[in-house]
Amino acid sequence: MLVYIGLSSQQDLIKREERKEILDFYHLFLTRIGHKGDQALSMATIIAEDPRVQALLANRDLISGLQGALIKVKVIESRRNFPY
C-alpha cells in the first residue's frame, strides 16, 4: 500500500511539472507572437508614412505601391541587421 501511495504521489509530481513546463512554453509562444505583431505594426506604420507609397496607393497603383512597400521593408531590414 505504501508503495502505491509513493508511486501515485510521484506520478502527480511528474504531471504537475510537465504541465508547468507546457504552460511556460505556451507563455513564451504568446510573448513571441506579441513581439512579432508589434514588429509588423511598426513596419506597417513606417511604410504607411512614406509619401511615395501613399501616392501610389492613392492612385490605385497597387502593384507599384506594394513594390514600394517591399523596397521600404528591405531598407528597414538592412538597417536593422547592419552592425553599428
Protein backbone atom coordinates (compact mmCIF):
# COMPACT_ATOMS: atom_id res chain seq x y z
CA MET A 1 0.00 0.00 0.00
CA LEU A 2 2.81 2.42 0.84
CA VAL A 3 4.46 1.68 -2.50
CA TYR A 4 1.21 2.52 -4.31
CA ILE A 5 0.88 5.82 -2.42
CA GLY A 6 4.52 6.66 -3.16
CA LEU A 7 4.14 5.90 -6.87
CA SER A 8 0.89 7.84 -7.10
CA SER A 9 2.36 10.93 -5.49
CA GLN A 10 5.44 10.66 -7.71
CA GLN A 11 3.23 10.49 -10.81
CA ASP A 12 1.27 13.52 -9.57
CA LEU A 13 4.53 15.46 -9.17
CA ILE A 14 5.65 14.49 -12.67
CA LYS A 15 2.29 15.54 -14.16
CA ARG A 16 2.44 18.89 -12.37
CA GLU A 17 5.99 19.53 -13.59
CA GLU A 18 5.04 18.59 -17.17
CA ARG A 19 2.00 20.89 -17.01
CA LYS A 20 4.14 23.73 -15.66
CA GLU A 21 6.69 23.24 -18.45
CA ILE A 22 3.97 23.20 -21.13
CA LEU A 23 2.44 26.39 -19.70
CA ASP A 24 5.88 28.05 -19.67
CA PHE A 25 6.35 27.20 -23.36
CA TYR A 26 2.85 28.48 -24.11
CA HIS A 27 3.54 31.81 -22.40
CA LEU A 28 6.83 32.11 -24.28
CA PHE A 29 4.96 31.42 -27.53
CA LEU A 30 2.37 34.12 -26.73
CA THR A 31 5.16 36.59 -25.91
CA ARG A 32 6.92 35.92 -29.20
CA ILE A 33 3.66 36.26 -31.13
CA GLY A 34 3.06 39.59 -29.40
CA HIS A 35 6.54 40.81 -30.35
CA LYS A 36 6.02 39.77 -33.99
CA GLY A 37 2.72 41.67 -34.03
CA ASP A 38 4.44 44.76 -32.63
CA GLN A 39 7.16 44.50 -35.28
CA ALA A 40 4.59 44.14 -38.06
CA LEU A 41 2.68 47.16 -36.79
CA SER A 42 5.86 49.24 -36.59
CA MET A 43 6.87 48.33 -40.13
CA ALA A 44 3.36 48.97 -41.45
CA THR A 45 3.37 52.39 -39.78
CA ILE A 46 6.73 53.31 -41.31
CA ILE A 47 5.60 52.18 -44.74
CA ALA A 48 2.25 53.97 -44.44
CA GLU A 49 4.03 57.22 -43.57
CA ASP A 50 6.11 57.12 -46.77
CA PRO A 51 4.61 59.74 -49.12
CA ARG A 52 5.67 57.79 -52.22
CA VAL A 53 3.80 54.69 -51.08
CA GLN A 54 0.79 56.83 -50.09
CA ALA A 55 0.68 58.44 -53.54
CA LEU A 56 0.94 55.11 -55.35
CA LEU A 57 -1.80 53.57 -53.26
CA ALA A 58 -3.98 56.67 -53.62
CA ASN A 59 -3.69 56.33 -57.41
CA ARG A 60 -4.71 52.69 -57.06
CA ASP A 61 -1.39 51.62 -58.47
CA LEU A 62 -1.36 48.66 -56.12
CA ILE A 63 1.46 46.76 -57.83
CA SER A 64 3.84 49.73 -57.69
CA GLY A 65 2.59 50.54 -54.20
CA LEU A 66 3.39 47.06 -52.99
CA GLN A 67 6.77 47.16 -54.72
CA GLY A 68 7.48 50.47 -52.99
CA ALA A 69 6.46 48.99 -49.67
CA LEU A 70 8.68 45.96 -50.27
CA ILE A 71 11.65 48.20 -51.02
CA LYS A 72 10.96 50.11 -47.80
CA VAL A 73 10.84 46.82 -45.84
CA LYS A 74 14.17 45.75 -47.33
CA VAL A 75 15.72 49.08 -46.33
CA ILE A 76 14.38 48.72 -42.79
CA GLU A 77 15.66 45.16 -42.56
CA SER A 78 19.12 46.10 -43.86
CA ARG A 79 19.35 48.90 -41.29
CA ARG A 80 18.25 46.57 -38.53
CA ASN A 81 20.85 43.95 -39.48
CA PHE A 82 23.68 46.46 -40.01
CA PRO A 83 26.17 46.35 -37.10
CA TYR A 84 26.80 49.94 -35.96
